[in-house]
Amino acid sequence: MAATSRWSLRNIYLYLVCLITLIMVIVAAVGLVRNVVELVYPDPGFYDRPIVSVDGEVKQSEEDIVAQNELWEKQDRRNTILGFVGNGAMLLIAGPLYLYHWRKIEVELTDEDADDSES
């Protein structure tokens, strides 16, 4: 009788939610580690040479190249921080959901074990 109640629709739902939220927690944790590494060890950036036209005329000055590289560095840092915040939010949402549903499963299993031992 315990085998049929263990695989009830409610328990299948609880196990599926636990599986999905556990995967989300793992993905968020990996993303957080990656974002921390990107903040500590950023992308070296692009070091372009000036754009030269066919007739040999320089279309970009050194100041333009430096300004462009600084802009790319700021954009890369911004994207890293946004990824860090996004992964942190996913971890803060999926973690408690996983714990809540897993505790529901544990409570139901201990209740079933107590009912089986009484009968």
Protein backbone atom coordinates (compact mmCIF):
# COMPACT_ATOMS: atom_id res chain seq x y z
CA MET A 1 0.00 0.00 0.00
CA ALA A 2 2.91 2.33 0.68
CA ALA A 3 4.15 1.89 -2.91
CA THR A 4 0.90 3.19 -4.40
CA SER A 5 0.73 6.21 -2.10
CA ARG A 6 4.41 7.02 -2.69
CA TRP A 7 3.72 7.53 -6.40
CA SER A 8 0.56 9.54 -6.06
CA LEU A 9 0.01 12.51 -8.33
CA ARG A 10 0.89 14.87 -5.47
CA ASN A 11 4.22 13.12 -4.78
CA ILE A 12 5.12 13.07 -8.46
CA TYR A 13 4.45 16.81 -8.54
CA LEU A 14 6.64 17.37 -5.47
CA TYR A 15 9.50 15.31 -6.91
CA LEU A 16 9.31 17.13 -10.26
CA VAL A 17 9.37 20.54 -8.57
CA CYS A 18 12.36 19.42 -6.50
CA LEU A 19 14.18 18.20 -9.62
CA ILE A 20 13.55 21.42 -11.55
CA THR A 21 14.47 23.72 -8.68
CA LEU A 22 17.59 21.68 -7.90
CA ILE A 23 18.70 22.07 -11.52
CA MET A 24 18.01 25.81 -11.26
CA VAL A 25 20.11 26.03 -8.08
CA ILE A 26 23.00 24.22 -9.78
CA VAL A 27 22.82 26.45 -12.87
CA ALA A 28 22.66 29.58 -10.71
CA ALA A 29 25.61 28.48 -8.59
CA VAL A 30 27.71 27.79 -11.68
CA GLY A 31 26.71 31.16 -13.11
CA LEU A 32 27.64 32.93 -9.89
CA VAL A 33 31.07 31.32 -9.86
CA ARG A 34 31.59 32.30 -13.50
CA ASN A 35 30.53 35.91 -12.80
CA VAL A 36 32.85 36.16 -9.80
CA VAL A 37 35.73 34.91 -11.95
CA GLU A 38 34.84 37.45 -14.64
CA LEU A 39 34.87 40.25 -12.06
CA VAL A 40 38.22 39.15 -10.64
CA TYR A 41 39.80 38.28 -13.99
CA PRO A 42 38.09 40.41 -16.67
CA ASP A 43 38.30 39.96 -20.41
CA PRO A 44 41.47 41.65 -21.66
CA GLY A 45 39.46 43.51 -24.27
CA PHE A 46 40.13 44.42 -27.85
CA TYR A 47 43.20 46.23 -29.02
CA ASP A 48 42.33 47.31 -32.51
CA ARG A 49 44.61 49.03 -34.89
CA PRO A 50 43.35 52.20 -36.52
CA ILE A 51 40.95 51.71 -39.40
CA VAL A 52 42.73 52.64 -42.60
CA SER A 53 40.94 53.36 -45.85
CA VAL A 54 42.03 52.04 -49.23
CA ASP A 55 43.99 55.19 -50.02
CA GLY A 56 45.91 54.94 -46.71
CA GLU A 57 43.97 57.55 -44.77
CA VAL A 58 43.55 56.77 -41.05
CA LYS A 59 39.88 56.86 -40.11
CA GLN A 60 40.31 56.38 -36.37
CA SER A 61 42.64 58.13 -33.98
CA GLU A 62 44.40 56.58 -30.98
CA GLU A 63 42.05 58.49 -28.67
CA ASP A 64 39.06 56.94 -30.44
CA ILE A 65 40.54 53.45 -30.03
CA VAL A 66 41.26 54.03 -26.33
CA ALA A 67 37.76 55.44 -25.79
CA GLN A 68 36.23 52.46 -27.60
CA ASN A 69 38.23 49.99 -25.49
CA GLU A 70 37.15 51.75 -22.28
CA LEU A 71 33.55 51.60 -23.44
CA TRP A 72 33.88 47.86 -24.13
CA GLU A 73 35.42 47.30 -20.69
CA LYS A 74 32.57 49.17 -18.99
CA GLN A 75 29.98 47.25 -20.99
CA ASP A 76 31.66 43.93 -20.17
CA ARG A 77 31.72 44.80 -16.45
CA ARG A 78 28.06 45.87 -16.57
CA ASN A 79 27.04 42.60 -18.25
CA THR A 80 29.00 40.63 -15.67
CA ILE A 81 27.30 42.43 -12.80
CA LEU A 82 23.87 41.94 -14.40
CA GLY A 83 24.62 38.22 -14.77
CA PHE A 84 25.75 38.08 -11.15
CA VAL A 85 22.51 39.71 -9.98
CA GLY A 86 20.39 37.47 -12.22
CA ASN A 87 22.05 34.29 -11.02
CA GLY A 88 21.85 35.45 -7.42
CA ALA A 89 18.13 36.14 -7.80
CA MET A 90 17.57 32.70 -9.33
CA LEU A 91 19.47 31.11 -6.46
CA LEU A 92 17.48 33.08 -3.87
CA ILE A 93 14.18 32.05 -5.46
CA ALA A 94 14.88 28.43 -6.44
CA GLY A 95 16.75 27.47 -3.25
CA PRO A 96 13.89 28.08 -0.81
CA LEU A 97 11.39 26.55 -3.24
CA TYR A 98 13.49 23.40 -3.38
CA LEU A 99 13.82 23.24 0.41
CA TYR A 100 10.09 23.78 0.93
CA HIS A 101 9.05 21.03 -1.46
CA TRP A 102 11.75 18.62 -0.26
CA ARG A 103 10.61 19.06 3.34
CA LYS A 104 7.03 18.34 2.24
CA ILE A 105 8.23 15.05 0.75
CA GLU A 106 10.17 14.15 3.91
CA VAL A 107 7.18 14.94 6.13
CA GLU A 108 4.87 12.80 4.01
CA LEU A 109 7.34 9.91 3.98
CA THR A 110 7.77 9.99 7.75
CA ASP A 111 3.97 10.16 8.16
CA GLU A 112 3.57 7.13 5.86
CA ASP A 113 6.25 5.22 7.77
CA ALA A 114 4.49 6.01 11.04
CA ASP A 115 1.13 4.89 9.61
CA ASP A 116 2.68 1.66 8.27
CA SER A 117 4.30 0.82 11.59
CA GLU A 118 1.03 1.36 13.49
CA SER A 119 -0.97 -1.00 11.30
